[in-house]
PDB file of N, CA and C in Angstrom:
ATOM      1  N   MET A   1     173.285 -16.080 234.227  1.00  0.00           N
ATOM      2  CA  MET A   1     174.216 -16.960 233.537  1.00  0.00           C
ATOM      3  C   MET A   1     174.199 -18.324 234.208  1.00  0.00           C
ATOM      4  N   SER A   2     174.119 -19.352 233.386  1.00  0.00           N
ATOM      5  CA  SER A   2     174.072 -20.715 233.899  1.00  0.00           C
ATOM      6  C   SER A   2     175.487 -21.241 234.135  1.00  0.00           C
ATOM      7  N   ASN A   3     175.701 -21.780 235.319  1.00  0.00           N
ATOM      8  CA  ASN A   3     176.987 -22.400 235.627  1.00  0.00           C
ATOM      9  C   ASN A   3     176.941 -23.909 235.427  1.00  0.00           C
ATOM     10  N   THR A   4     175.897 -24.394 234.782  1.00  0.00           N
ATOM     11  CA  THR A   4     175.788 -25.821 234.512  1.00  0.00           C
ATOM     12  C   THR A   4     176.911 -26.235 233.574  1.00  0.00           C
ATOM     13  N   LEU A   5     177.554 -27.344 233.907  1.00  0.00           N
ATOM     14  CA  LEU A   5     178.661 -27.844 233.090  1.00  0.00           C
ATOM     15  C   LEU A   5     178.188 -28.990 232.210  1.00  0.00           C
ATOM     16  N   LEU A   6     178.678 -28.993 230.987  1.00  0.00           N
ATOM     17  CA  LEU A   6     178.368 -30.068 230.046  1.00  0.00           C
ATOM     18  C   LEU A   6     179.664 -30.773 229.661  1.00  0.00           C
ATOM     19  N   ARG A   7     179.667 -32.067 229.812  1.00  0.00           N
ATOM     20  CA  ARG A   7     180.821 -32.847 229.351  1.00  0.00           C
ATOM     21  C   ARG A   7     180.724 -33.028 227.837  1.00  0.00           C
ATOM     22  N   ARG A   8     181.806 -33.498 227.243  1.00  0.00           N
ATOM     23  CA  ARG A   8     181.900 -33.564 225.784  1.00  0.00           C
ATOM     24  C   ARG A   8     180.737 -34.328 225.148  1.00  0.00           C
ATOM     25  N   HIS A   9     180.372 -35.484 225.696  1.00  0.00           N
ATOM     26  CA  HIS A   9     179.286 -36.265 225.096  1.00  0.00           C
ATOM     27  C   HIS A   9     177.968 -35.483 225.114  1.00  0.00           C
ATOM     28  N   ALA A  10     177.746 -34.711 226.170  1.00  0.00           N
ATOM     29  CA  ALA A  10     176.533 -33.899 226.255  1.00  0.00           C
ATOM     30  C   ALA A  10     176.574 -32.765 225.227  1.00  0.00           C
ATOM     31  N   VAL A  11     177.762 -32.192 225.023  1.00  0.00           N
ATOM     32  CA  VAL A  11     177.908 -31.127 224.023  1.00  0.00           C
ATOM     33  C   VAL A  11     177.671 -31.706 222.631  1.00  0.00           C
ATOM     34  N   GLU A  12     178.246 -32.868 222.360  1.00  0.00           N
ATOM     35  CA  GLU A  12     178.029 -33.517 221.063  1.00  0.00           C
ATOM     36  C   GLU A  12     176.538 -33.746 220.822  1.00  0.00           C
ATOM     37  N   ALA A  13     175.835 -34.241 221.836  1.00  0.00           N
ATOM     38  CA  ALA A  13     174.400 -34.496 221.704  1.00  0.00           C
ATOM     39  C   ALA A  13     173.624 -33.184 221.540  1.00  0.00           C
ATOM     40  N   GLU A  14     174.052 -32.156 222.229  1.00  0.00           N
ATOM     41  CA  GLU A  14     173.355 -30.860 222.205  1.00  0.00           C
ATOM     42  C   GLU A  14     173.428 -30.200 220.835  1.00  0.00           C
ATOM     43  N   ILE A  15     174.584 -30.276 220.179  1.00  0.00           N
ATOM     44  CA  ILE A  15     174.748 -29.559 218.911  1.00  0.00           C
ATOM     45  C   ILE A  15     174.822 -30.480 217.693  1.00  0.00           C
ATOM     46  N   GLY A  16     174.964 -31.774 217.919  1.00  0.00           N
ATOM     47  CA  GLY A  16     174.972 -32.717 216.808  1.00  0.00           C
ATOM     48  C   GLY A  16     176.277 -32.789 216.041  1.00  0.00           C
ATOM     49  N   PHE A  17     177.367 -32.326 216.634  1.00  0.00           N
ATOM     50  CA  PHE A  17     178.685 -32.395 216.001  1.00  0.00           C
ATOM     51  C   PHE A  17     179.506 -33.495 216.647  1.00  0.00           C
ATOM     52  N   SER A  18     180.424 -34.036 215.878  1.00  0.00           N
ATOM     53  CA  SER A  18     181.344 -35.037 216.411  1.00  0.00           C
ATOM     54  C   SER A  18     182.447 -34.352 217.218  1.00  0.00           C
ATOM     55  N   ARG A  19     183.166 -35.171 217.959  1.00  0.00           N
ATOM     56  CA  ARG A  19     184.291 -34.659 218.754  1.00  0.00           C
ATOM     57  C   ARG A  19     185.300 -33.932 217.864  1.00  0.00           C
ATOM     58  N   SER A  20     185.637 -34.562 216.738  1.00  0.00           N
ATOM     59  CA  SER A  20     186.655 -33.947 215.874  1.00  0.00           C
ATOM     60  C   SER A  20     186.180 -32.608 215.317  1.00  0.00           C
ATOM     61  N   THR A  21     184.906 -32.491 214.988  1.00  0.00           N
ATOM     62  CA  THR A  21     184.379 -31.224 214.483  1.00  0.00           C
ATOM     63  C   THR A  21     184.424 -30.157 215.568  1.00  0.00           C
ATOM     64  N   ILE A  22     184.055 -30.521 216.777  1.00  0.00           N
ATOM     65  CA  ILE A  22     184.089 -29.573 217.895  1.00  0.00           C
ATOM     66  C   ILE A  22     185.505 -29.044 218.092  1.00  0.00           C
ATOM     67  N   TYR A  23     186.484 -29.940 218.133  1.00  0.00           N
ATOM     68  CA  TYR A  23     187.858 -29.500 218.375  1.00  0.00           C
ATOM     69  C   TYR A  23     188.435 -28.731 217.186  1.00  0.00           C
ATOM     70  N   ARG A  24     188.027 -29.095 215.975  1.00  0.00           N
ATOM     71  CA  ARG A  24     188.478 -28.348 214.796  1.00  0.00           C
ATOM     72  C   ARG A  24     187.933 -26.921 214.847  1.00  0.00           C
ATOM     73  N   LEU A  25     186.648 -26.774 215.197  1.00  0.00           N
ATOM     74  CA  LEU A  25     186.056 -25.440 215.317  1.00  0.00           C
ATOM     75  C   LEU A  25     186.711 -24.642 216.438  1.00  0.00           C
ATOM     76  N   MET A  26     187.034 -25.314 217.542  1.00  0.00           N
ATOM     77  CA  MET A  26     187.727 -24.628 218.640  1.00  0.00           C
ATOM     78  C   MET A  26     189.077 -24.112 218.167  1.00  0.00           C
ATOM     79  N   ASP A  27     189.807 -24.936 217.426  1.00  0.00           N
ATOM     80  CA  ASP A  27     191.127 -24.529 216.923  1.00  0.00           C
ATOM     81  C   ASP A  27     191.025 -23.310 216.003  1.00  0.00           C
ATOM     82  N   LYS A  28     189.911 -23.197 215.281  1.00  0.00           N
ATOM     83  CA  LYS A  28     189.706 -22.067 214.382  1.00  0.00           C
ATOM     84  C   LYS A  28     189.092 -20.867 215.103  1.00  0.00           C
ATOM     85  N   GLY A  29     188.821 -21.012 216.402  1.00  0.00           N
ATOM     86  CA  GLY A  29     188.217 -19.920 217.165  1.00  0.00           C
ATOM     87  C   GLY A  29     186.731 -19.760 216.905  1.00  0.00           C
ATOM     88  N   GLU A  30     186.077 -20.812 216.397  1.00  0.00           N
ATOM     89  CA  GLU A  30     184.667 -20.736 216.023  1.00  0.00           C
ATOM     90  C   GLU A  30     183.757 -21.504 216.969  1.00  0.00           C
ATOM     91  N   PHE A  31     184.295 -21.961 218.082  1.00  0.00           N
ATOM     92  CA  PHE A  31     183.497 -22.691 219.069  1.00  0.00           C
ATOM     93  C   PHE A  31     184.089 -22.416 220.445  1.00  0.00           C
ATOM     94  N   PRO A  32     183.234 -22.317 221.471  1.00  0.00           N
ATOM     95  CA  PRO A  32     183.754 -22.010 222.808  1.00  0.00           C
ATOM     96  C   PRO A  32     184.731 -23.072 223.305  1.00  0.00           C
ATOM     97  N   LYS A  33     185.724 -22.631 224.017  1.00  0.00           N
ATOM     98  CA  LYS A  33     186.684 -23.560 224.618  1.00  0.00           C
ATOM     99  C   LYS A  33     186.130 -24.033 225.955  1.00  0.00           C
ATOM    100  N   PRO A  34     186.468 -25.256 226.333  1.00  0.00           N
ATOM    101  CA  PRO A  34     185.995 -25.772 227.614  1.00  0.00           C
ATOM    102  C   PRO A  34     186.811 -25.201 228.769  1.00  0.00           C
ATOM    103  N   ILE A  35     186.308 -25.429 229.963  1.00  0.00           N
ATOM    104  CA  ILE A  35     187.093 -25.091 231.153  1.00  0.00           C
ATOM    105  C   ILE A  35     187.709 -26.373 231.676  1.00  0.00           C
ATOM    106  N   ARG A  36     188.892 -26.256 232.240  1.00  0.00           N
ATOM    107  CA  ARG A  36     189.597 -27.422 232.760  1.00  0.00           C
ATOM    108  C   ARG A  36     189.087 -27.713 234.169  1.00  0.00           C
ATOM    109  N   LEU A  37     188.698 -28.978 234.386  1.00  0.00           N
ATOM    110  CA  LEU A  37     188.206 -29.394 235.694  1.00  0.00           C
ATOM    111  C   LEU A  37     189.301 -30.030 236.540  1.00  0.00           C
ATOM    112  N   THR A  38     190.173 -30.786 235.876  1.00  0.00           N
ATOM    113  CA  THR A  38     191.324 -31.391 236.566  1.00  0.00           C
ATOM    114  C   THR A  38     192.562 -31.127 235.728  1.00  0.00           C
ATOM    115  N   SER A  39     193.710 -31.181 236.361  1.00  0.00           N
ATOM    116  CA  SER A  39     194.949 -30.790 235.685  1.00  0.00           C
ATOM    117  C   SER A  39     195.464 -31.839 234.708  1.00  0.00           C
ATOM    118  N   GLY A  40     195.192 -33.092 234.902  1.00  0.00           N
ATOM    119  CA  GLY A  40     195.700 -34.114 233.988  1.00  0.00           C
ATOM    120  C   GLY A  40     197.162 -34.391 234.247  1.00  0.00           C
ATOM    121  N   SER A  41     197.911 -34.649 233.194  1.00  0.00           N
ATOM    122  CA  SER A  41     199.317 -35.013 233.325  1.00  0.00           C
ATOM    123  C   SER A  41     200.191 -33.782 233.552  1.00  0.00           C
ATOM    124  N   ALA A  42     201.457 -34.037 233.842  1.00  0.00           N
ATOM    125  CA  ALA A  42     202.410 -32.948 234.082  1.00  0.00           C
ATOM    126  C   ALA A  42     202.611 -32.091 232.835  1.00  0.00           C
ATOM    127  N   SER A  43     202.385 -32.680 231.654  1.00  0.00           N
ATOM    128  CA  SER A  43     202.555 -31.917 230.408  1.00  0.00           C
ATOM    129  C   SER A  43     201.382 -30.986 230.136  1.00  0.00           C
ATOM    130  N   GLY A  44     200.361 -31.065 230.980  1.00  0.00           N
ATOM    131  CA  GLY A  44     199.203 -30.206 230.787  1.00  0.00           C
ATOM    132  C   GLY A  44     198.163 -30.796 229.864  1.00  0.00           C
ATOM    133  N   LYS A  45     198.435 -31.989 229.343  1.00  0.00           N
ATOM    134  CA  LYS A  45     197.477 -32.645 228.451  1.00  0.00           C
ATOM    135  C   LYS A  45     196.626 -33.603 229.261  1.00  0.00           C
ATOM    136  N   GLY A  46     195.470 -33.860 228.730  1.00  0.00           N
ATOM    137  CA  GLY A  46     194.564 -34.774 229.414  1.00  0.00           C
ATOM    138  C   GLY A  46     193.799 -34.044 230.496  1.00  0.00           C
ATOM    139  N   GLY A  47     193.258 -34.786 231.414  1.00  0.00           N
ATOM    140  CA  GLY A  47     192.451 -34.183 232.459  1.00  0.00           C
ATOM    141  C   GLY A  47     191.018 -34.023 231.984  1.00  0.00           C
ATOM    142  N   SER A  48     190.194 -33.611 232.882  1.00  0.00           N
ATOM    143  CA  SER A  48     188.776 -33.459 232.571  1.00  0.00           C
ATOM    144  C   SER A  48     188.467 -32.019 232.180  1.00  0.00           C
ATOM    145  N   VAL A  49     187.620 -31.897 231.180  1.00  0.00           N
ATOM    146  CA  VAL A  49     187.154 -30.587 230.761  1.00  0.00           C
ATOM    147  C   VAL A  49     185.631 -30.627 230.629  1.00  0.00           C
ATOM    148  N   ALA A  50     185.030 -29.459 230.651  1.00  0.00           N
ATOM    149  CA  ALA A  50     183.590 -29.328 230.437  1.00  0.00           C
ATOM    150  C   ALA A  50     183.324 -27.929 229.890  1.00  0.00           C
ATOM    151  N   TRP A  51     182.182 -27.796 229.263  1.00  0.00           N
ATOM    152  CA  TRP A  51     181.773 -26.514 228.715  1.00  0.00           C
ATOM    153  C   TRP A  51     180.668 -25.933 229.585  1.00  0.00           C
ATOM    154  N   LEU A  52     180.669 -24.626 229.724  1.00  0.00           N
ATOM    155  CA  LEU A  52     179.550 -23.976 230.384  1.00  0.00           C
ATOM    156  C   LEU A  52     178.340 -24.059 229.454  1.00  0.00           C
ATOM    157  N   LYS A  53     177.225 -24.495 230.004  1.00  0.00           N
ATOM    158  CA  LYS A  53     176.012 -24.601 229.199  1.00  0.00           C
ATOM    159  C   LYS A  53     175.657 -23.246 228.598  1.00  0.00           C
ATOM    160  N   SER A  54     175.881 -22.176 229.347  1.00  0.00           N
ATOM    161  CA  SER A  54     175.565 -20.833 228.846  1.00  0.00           C
ATOM    162  C   SER A  54     176.410 -20.488 227.616  1.00  0.00           C
ATOM    163  N   ASP A  55     177.671 -20.943 227.576  1.00  0.00           N
ATOM    164  CA  ASP A  55     178.521 -20.700 226.398  1.00  0.00           C
ATOM    165  C   ASP A  55     177.981 -21.444 225.176  1.00  0.00           C
ATOM    166  N   ILE A  56     177.524 -22.677 225.385  1.00  0.00           N
ATOM    167  CA  ILE A  56     176.985 -23.478 224.275  1.00  0.00           C
ATOM    168  C   ILE A  56     175.676 -22.863 223.790  1.00  0.00           C
ATOM    169  N   GLU A  57     174.821 -22.428 224.721  1.00  0.00           N
ATOM    170  CA  GLU A  57     173.557 -21.799 224.351  1.00  0.00           C
ATOM    171  C   GLU A  57     173.803 -20.515 223.559  1.00  0.00           C
ATOM    172  N   LYS A  58     174.757 -19.708 223.989  1.00  0.00           N
ATOM    173  CA  LYS A  58     175.074 -18.465 223.269  1.00  0.00           C
ATOM    174  C   LYS A  58     175.612 -18.779 221.883  1.00  0.00           C
ATOM    175  N   TRP A  59     176.461 -19.796 221.778  1.00  0.00           N
ATOM    176  CA  TRP A  59     176.995 -20.187 220.481  1.00  0.00           C
ATOM    177  C   TRP A  59     175.849 -20.579 219.544  1.00  0.00           C
ATOM    178  N   LYS A  60     174.896 -21.359 220.047  1.00  0.00           N
ATOM    179  CA  LYS A  60     173.754 -21.768 219.225  1.00  0.00           C
ATOM    180  C   LYS A  60     172.917 -20.557 218.811  1.00  0.00           C
ATOM    181  N   GLU A  61     172.666 -19.657 219.737  1.00  0.00           N
ATOM    182  CA  GLU A  61     171.893 -18.455 219.430  1.00  0.00           C
ATOM    183  C   GLU A  61     172.593 -17.617 218.356  1.00  0.00           C
ATOM    184  N   ASP A  62     173.917 -17.511 218.466  1.00  0.00           N
ATOM    185  CA  ASP A  62     174.687 -16.758 217.461  1.00  0.00           C
ATOM    186  C   ASP A  62     174.576 -17.407 216.090  1.00  0.00           C
ATOM    187  N   ARG A  63     174.629 -18.746 216.040  1.00  0.00           N
ATOM    188  CA  ARG A  63     174.506 -19.455 214.760  1.00  0.00           C
ATOM    189  C   ARG A  63     173.132 -19.225 214.154  1.00  0.00           C
ATOM    190  N   ILE A  64     172.094 -19.253 214.997  1.00  0.00           N
ATOM    191  CA  ILE A  64     170.731 -19.030 214.509  1.00  0.00           C
ATOM    192  C   ILE A  64     170.608 -17.613 213.955  1.00  0.00           C
ATOM    193  N   ALA A  65     171.114 -16.634 214.700  1.00  0.00           N
ATOM    194  CA  ALA A  65     171.047 -15.238 214.249  1.00  0.00           C
ATOM    195  C   ALA A  65     171.801 -15.061 212.933  1.00  0.00           C
ATOM    196  N   GLU A  66     172.971 -15.658 212.829  1.00  0.00           N
ATOM    197  CA  GLU A  66     173.768 -15.556 211.601  1.00  0.00           C
ATOM    198  C   GLU A  66     173.034 -16.202 210.435  1.00  0.00           C
ATOM    199  N   SER A  67     172.413 -17.335 210.694  1.00  0.00           N
ATOM    200  CA  SER A  67     171.667 -18.032 209.651  1.00  0.00           C
ATOM    201  C   SER A  67     170.494 -17.196 209.163  1.00  0.00           C
ATOM    202  N   LYS A  68     169.780 -16.568 210.103  1.00  0.00           N
ATOM    203  CA  LYS A  68     168.648 -15.720 209.726  1.00  0.00           C
ATOM    204  C   LYS A  68     169.120 -14.509 208.945  1.00  0.00           C
ATOM    205  N   LYS A  69     170.246 -13.941 209.357  1.00  0.00           N
ATOM    206  CA  LYS A  69     170.802 -12.791 208.642  1.00  0.00           C
ATOM    207  C   LYS A  69     171.159 -13.192 207.214  1.00  0.00           C
ATOM    208  N   ASP A  70     171.788 -14.368 207.052  1.00  0.00           N
ATOM    209  CA  ASP A  70     172.137 -14.863 205.719  1.00  0.00           C
ATOM    210  C   ASP A  70     170.884 -15.109 204.894  1.00  0.00           C
ATOM    211  N   ALA A  71     169.840 -15.685 205.522  1.00  0.00           N
ATOM    212  CA  ALA A  71     168.595 -15.960 204.805  1.00  0.00           C
ATOM    213  C   ALA A  71     167.938 -14.657 204.372  1.00  0.00           C
ATOM    214  N   ASP A  72     167.943 -13.649 205.235  1.00  0.00           N
ATOM    215  CA  ASP A  72     167.376 -12.343 204.880  1.00  0.00           C
ATOM    216  C   ASP A  72     168.140 -11.726 203.713  1.00  0.00           C
ATOM    217  N   TYR A  73     169.457 -11.817 203.769  1.00  0.00           N
ATOM    218  CA  TYR A  73     170.294 -11.276 202.698  1.00  0.00           C
ATOM    219  C   TYR A  73     169.993 -11.984 201.377  1.00  0.00           C
ATOM    220  N   LEU A  74     169.950 -13.335 201.417  1.00  0.00           N
ATOM    221  CA  LEU A  74     169.692 -14.085 200.190  1.00  0.00           C
ATOM    222  C   LEU A  74     168.300 -13.783 199.645  1.00  0.00           C
ATOM    223  N   SER A  75     167.336 -13.590 200.539  1.00  0.00           N
ATOM    224  CA  SER A  75     165.987 -13.239 200.106  1.00  0.00           C
ATOM    225  C   SER A  75     165.995 -11.890 199.388  1.00  0.00           C
ATOM    226  N   LYS A  76     166.723 -10.919 199.949  1.00  0.00           N
ATOM    227  CA  LYS A  76     166.804  -9.597 199.320  1.00  0.00           C
ATOM    228  C   LYS A  76     167.505  -9.669 197.973  1.00  0.00           C
ATOM    229  N   VAL A  77     168.559 -10.479 197.880  1.00  0.00           N
ATOM    230  CA  VAL A  77     169.262 -10.656 196.603  1.00  0.00           C
ATOM    231  C   VAL A  77     168.313 -11.254 195.576  1.00  0.00           C
ATOM    232  N   HIS A  78     167.534 -12.250 195.995  1.00  0.00           N
ATOM    233  CA  HIS A  78     166.581 -12.883 195.081  1.00  0.00           C
ATOM    234  C   HIS A  78     165.555 -11.868 194.576  1.00  0.00           C
ATOM    235  N   ILE A  79     165.045 -11.022 195.464  1.00  0.00           N
ATOM    236  CA  ILE A  79     164.072 -10.001 195.076  1.00  0.00           C
ATOM    237  C   ILE A  79     164.689  -9.036 194.074  1.00  0.00           C
ATOM    238  N   ILE A  80     165.911  -8.596 194.333  1.00  0.00           N
ATOM    239  CA  ILE A  80     166.596  -7.665 193.426  1.00  0.00           C
ATOM    240  C   ILE A  80     166.816  -8.319 192.061  1.00  0.00           C
ATOM    241  N   GLU A  81     167.273  -9.579 192.074  1.00  0.00           N
ATOM    242  CA  GLU A  81     167.511 -10.281 190.804  1.00  0.00           C
ATOM    243  C   GLU A  81     166.202 -10.468 190.042  1.00  0.00           C
ATOM    244  N   SER A  82     165.120 -10.760 190.740  1.00  0.00           N
ATOM    245  CA  SER A  82     163.813 -10.909 190.092  1.00  0.00           C
ATOM    246  C   SER A  82     163.383  -9.597 189.456  1.00  0.00           C
ATOM    247  N   GLN A  83     163.620  -8.493 190.156  1.00  0.00           N
ATOM    248  CA  GLN A  83     163.264  -7.178 189.617  1.00  0.00           C
ATOM    249  C   GLN A  83     164.105  -6.853 188.385  1.00  0.00           C
ATOM    250  N   LYS A  84     165.384  -7.211 188.440  1.00  0.00           N
ATOM    251  CA  LYS A  84     166.245  -6.978 187.271  1.00  0.00           C
ATOM    252  C   LYS A  84     165.739  -7.778 186.075  1.00  0.00           C
ATOM    253  N   ASP A  85     165.348  -9.049 186.323  1.00  0.00           N
ATOM    254  CA  ASP A  85     164.810  -9.878 185.243  1.00  0.00           C
ATOM    255  C   ASP A  85     163.551  -9.247 184.657  1.00  0.00           C
ATOM    256  N   ALA A  86     162.665  -8.761 185.524  1.00  0.00           N
ATOM    257  CA  ALA A  86     161.434  -8.124 185.061  1.00  0.00           C
ATOM    258  C   ALA A  86     161.753  -6.870 184.251  1.00  0.00           C
ATOM    259  N   ASP A  87     162.720  -6.079 184.715  1.00  0.00           N
ATOM    260  CA  ASP A  87     163.121  -4.867 183.984  1.00  0.00           C
ATOM    261  C   ASP A  87     163.678  -5.218 182.614  1.00  0.00           C
ATOM    262  N   ARG A  88     164.492  -6.264 182.535  1.00  0.00           N
ATOM    263  CA  ARG A  88     165.058  -6.693 181.242  1.00  0.00           C
ATOM    264  C   ARG A  88     163.946  -7.136 180.290  1.00  0.00           C
ATOM    265  N   MET A  89     162.959  -7.876 180.819  1.00  0.00           N
ATOM    266  CA  MET A  89     161.852  -8.333 179.984  1.00  0.00           C
ATOM    267  C   MET A  89     161.034  -7.153 179.489  1.00  0.00           C
ATOM    268  N   ASN A  90     160.788  -6.172 180.352  1.00  0.00           N
ATOM    269  CA  ASN A  90     160.040  -4.976 179.945  1.00  0.00           C
ATOM    270  C   ASN A  90     160.802  -4.195 178.883  1.00  0.00           C
ATOM    271  N   THR A  91     162.100  -4.068 179.045  1.00  0.00           N
ATOM    272  CA  THR A  91     162.928  -3.361 178.061  1.00  0.00           C
ATOM    273  C   THR A  91     162.862  -4.076 176.715  1.00  0.00           C
ATOM    274  N   ALA A  92     162.916  -5.399 176.750  1.00  0.00           N
ATOM    275  CA  ALA A  92     162.847  -6.173 175.503  1.00  0.00           C
ATOM    276  C   ALA A  92     161.485  -5.996 174.839  1.00  0.00           C
ATOM    277  N   ARG A  93     160.408  -5.986 175.623  1.00  0.00           N
ATOM    278  CA  ARG A  93     159.061  -5.802 175.064  1.00  0.00           C
ATOM    279  C   ARG A  93     158.920  -4.416 174.426  1.00  0.00           C
ATOM    280  N   ILE A  94     159.446  -3.400 175.081  1.00  0.00           N
ATOM    281  CA  ILE A  94     159.382  -2.041 174.546  1.00  0.00           C
ATOM    282  C   ILE A  94     160.148  -1.975 173.228  1.00  0.00           C
ATOM    283  N   ALA A  95     161.334  -2.597 173.208  1.00  0.00           N
ATOM    284  CA  ALA A  95     162.141  -2.592 171.982  1.00  0.00           C
ATOM    285  C   ALA A  95     161.401  -3.304 170.856  1.00  0.00           C
ATOM    286  N   GLU A  96     160.745  -4.413 171.177  1.00  0.00           N
ATOM    287  CA  GLU A  96     159.994  -5.149 170.152  1.00  0.00           C
ATOM    288  C   GLU A  96     158.830  -4.317 169.629  1.00  0.00           C
ATOM    289  N   SER A  97     158.129  -3.650 170.543  1.00  0.00           N
ATOM    290  CA  SER A  97     156.972  -2.855 170.101  1.00  0.00           C
ATOM    291  C   SER A  97     157.426  -1.678 169.241  1.00  0.00           C
ATOM    292  N   HIS A  98     158.575  -1.077 169.570  1.00  0.00           N
ATOM    293  CA  HIS A  98     159.097   0.021 168.751  1.00  0.00           C
ATOM    294  C   HIS A  98     159.482  -0.478 167.365  1.00  0.00           C
ATOM    295  N   SER A  99     160.131  -1.626 167.330  1.00  0.00           N
ATOM    296  CA  SER A  99     160.589  -2.141 166.035  1.00  0.00           C
ATOM    297  C   SER A  99     159.390  -2.633 165.202  1.00  0.00           C
ATOM    298  N   ALA A 100     158.343  -3.098 165.867  1.00  0.00           N
ATOM    299  CA  ALA A 100     157.138  -3.541 165.140  1.00  0.00           C
ATOM    300  C   ALA A 100     156.452  -2.377 164.455  1.00  0.00           C
ATOM    301  N   PHE A 101     156.599  -1.185 165.021  1.00  0.00           N
ATOM    302  CA  PHE A 101     155.981   0.005 164.431  1.00  0.00           C
ATOM    303  C   PHE A 101     156.979   0.842 163.647  1.00  0.00           C
ATOM    304  N   GLY A 102     158.163   0.261 163.400  1.00  0.00           N
ATOM    305  CA  GLY A 102     159.145   0.953 162.581  1.00  0.00           C
ATOM    306  C   GLY A 102     159.944   2.008 163.317  1.00  0.00           C
ATOM    307  N   GLY A 103     159.851   2.040 164.645  1.00  0.00           N
ATOM    308  CA  GLY A 103     160.589   3.037 165.411  1.00  0.00           C
ATOM    309  C   GLY A 103     162.003   2.577 165.718  1.00  0.00           C
ATOM    310  N   ASP A 104     162.876   3.531 165.975  1.00  0.00           N
ATOM    311  CA  ASP A 104     164.246   3.224 166.377  1.00  0.00           C
ATOM    312  C   ASP A 104     164.317   3.195 167.882  1.00  0.00           C
ATOM    313  N   VAL A 105     165.102   2.300 168.379  1.00  0.00           N
ATOM    314  CA  VAL A 105     165.300   2.196 169.829  1.00  0.00           C
ATOM    315  C   VAL A 105     166.703   2.591 170.178  1.00  0.00           C
TER     316      VAL A 105
END
Protein backbone atom coordinates (compact mmCIF):
# COMPACT_ATOMS: atom_id res chain seq x y z
CA MET A 1 0.00 0.00 0.00
CA SER A 2 1.31 3.40 -0.98
CA ASN A 3 1.47 6.04 1.72
CA THR A 4 2.12 8.76 -0.84
CA LEU A 5 -0.10 11.76 -0.21
CA LEU A 6 -1.78 13.76 -2.95
CA ARG A 7 -3.00 17.29 -2.39
CA ARG A 8 -6.24 18.44 -4.00
CA HIS A 9 -4.63 19.93 -7.13
CA ALA A 10 -2.77 16.66 -7.74
CA VAL A 11 -6.00 14.69 -7.30
CA GLU A 12 -7.80 17.00 -9.73
CA ALA A 13 -5.01 16.48 -12.28
CA GLU A 14 -4.94 12.72 -11.67
CA ILE A 15 -8.65 12.12 -12.29
CA GLY A 16 -9.64 15.16 -14.35
CA PHE A 17 -12.44 16.32 -12.03
CA SER A 18 -12.94 19.77 -10.61
CA ARG A 19 -12.84 20.51 -6.90
CA SER A 20 -16.62 20.83 -6.73
CA THR A 21 -17.13 17.47 -8.45
CA ILE A 22 -14.69 15.76 -6.08
CA TYR A 23 -16.44 17.14 -3.01
CA ARG A 24 -19.90 16.39 -4.42
CA LEU A 25 -18.87 12.76 -5.02
CA MET A 26 -17.39 12.59 -1.51
CA ASP A 27 -20.68 13.85 -0.05
CA LYS A 28 -22.50 11.08 -1.93
CA GLY A 29 -20.02 8.47 -0.68
CA GLU A 30 -18.72 7.87 -4.22
CA PHE A 31 -15.17 9.16 -3.78
CA PRO A 32 -12.54 8.56 -1.09
CA LYS A 33 -12.36 11.08 1.71
CA PRO A 34 -9.06 12.79 2.40
CA ILE A 35 -7.05 12.52 5.58
CA ARG A 36 -6.60 15.60 7.72
CA LEU A 37 -3.01 16.82 7.93
CA THR A 38 -3.57 19.85 10.16
CA SER A 39 -6.45 20.72 12.45
CA GLY A 40 -7.37 24.11 10.98
CA SER A 41 -9.70 26.34 12.96
CA ALA A 42 -11.36 25.62 16.30
CA SER A 43 -14.59 24.80 14.45
CA GLY A 44 -12.85 21.92 12.73
CA LYS A 45 -13.10 23.55 9.31
CA GLY A 46 -10.17 24.37 7.15
CA GLY A 47 -6.74 22.95 7.64
CA SER A 48 -4.77 20.86 5.23
CA VAL A 49 -6.01 17.62 3.78
CA ALA A 50 -4.58 15.09 1.34
CA TRP A 51 -5.63 11.83 -0.23
CA LEU A 52 -3.71 8.59 -0.09
CA LYS A 53 -2.50 7.83 -3.59
CA SER A 54 -3.48 4.19 -3.03
CA ASP A 55 -7.10 5.26 -2.33
CA ILE A 56 -7.21 7.27 -5.58
CA GLU A 57 -5.65 4.40 -7.55
CA LYS A 58 -8.20 1.93 -6.13
CA TRP A 59 -11.04 4.31 -6.94
CA LYS A 60 -9.81 4.55 -10.55
CA GLU A 61 -9.44 0.77 -10.81
CA ASP A 62 -12.99 0.32 -9.48
CA ARG A 63 -14.34 2.80 -12.06
CA ILE A 64 -12.52 0.95 -14.86
CA ALA A 65 -13.86 -2.42 -13.67
CA GLU A 66 -17.40 -1.02 -13.40
CA SER A 67 -17.13 0.49 -16.87
CA LYS A 68 -15.96 -2.81 -18.35
CA LYS A 69 -18.76 -4.66 -16.58
CA ASP A 70 -21.29 -2.17 -18.01
CA ALA A 71 -19.75 -2.51 -21.49
CA ASP A 72 -19.92 -6.31 -21.28
CA TYR A 73 -23.55 -6.13 -20.17
CA LEU A 74 -24.48 -3.72 -22.97
CA SER A 75 -22.68 -5.93 -25.49
CA LYS A 76 -24.67 -8.96 -24.31
CA VAL A 77 -27.93 -6.98 -24.49
CA HIS A 78 -27.06 -5.92 -28.04
CA ILE A 79 -26.39 -9.55 -29.04
CA ILE A 80 -29.69 -10.70 -27.52
CA GLU A 81 -31.61 -7.88 -29.23
CA SER A 82 -29.94 -8.71 -32.56
CA GLN A 83 -30.95 -12.36 -32.16
CA LYS A 84 -34.52 -11.34 -31.36
CA ASP A 85 -34.58 -9.18 -34.50
CA ALA A 86 -33.28 -12.10 -36.58
CA ASP A 87 -35.89 -14.43 -35.05
CA ARG A 88 -38.68 -11.94 -35.85
CA MET A 89 -37.46 -11.64 -39.45
CA ASN A 90 -37.32 -15.43 -39.82
CA THR A 91 -40.83 -15.77 -38.39
CA ALA A 92 -42.10 -13.16 -40.84
CA ARG A 93 -40.41 -14.95 -43.78
CA ILE A 94 -41.95 -18.29 -42.76
CA ALA A 95 -45.38 -16.66 -42.48
CA GLU A 96 -44.97 -15.09 -45.92
CA SER A 97 -43.90 -18.37 -47.50
CA HIS A 98 -46.88 -20.18 -45.93
CA SER A 99 -49.31 -17.55 -47.14
CA ALA A 100 -47.73 -17.58 -50.63
CA PHE A 101 -48.53 -21.28 -50.87
CA GLY A 102 -52.00 -20.89 -49.41
CA GLY A 103 -51.11 -22.32 -46.01
CA ASP A 104 -52.45 -21.10 -42.68
CA VAL A 105 -50.06 -19.81 -40.09
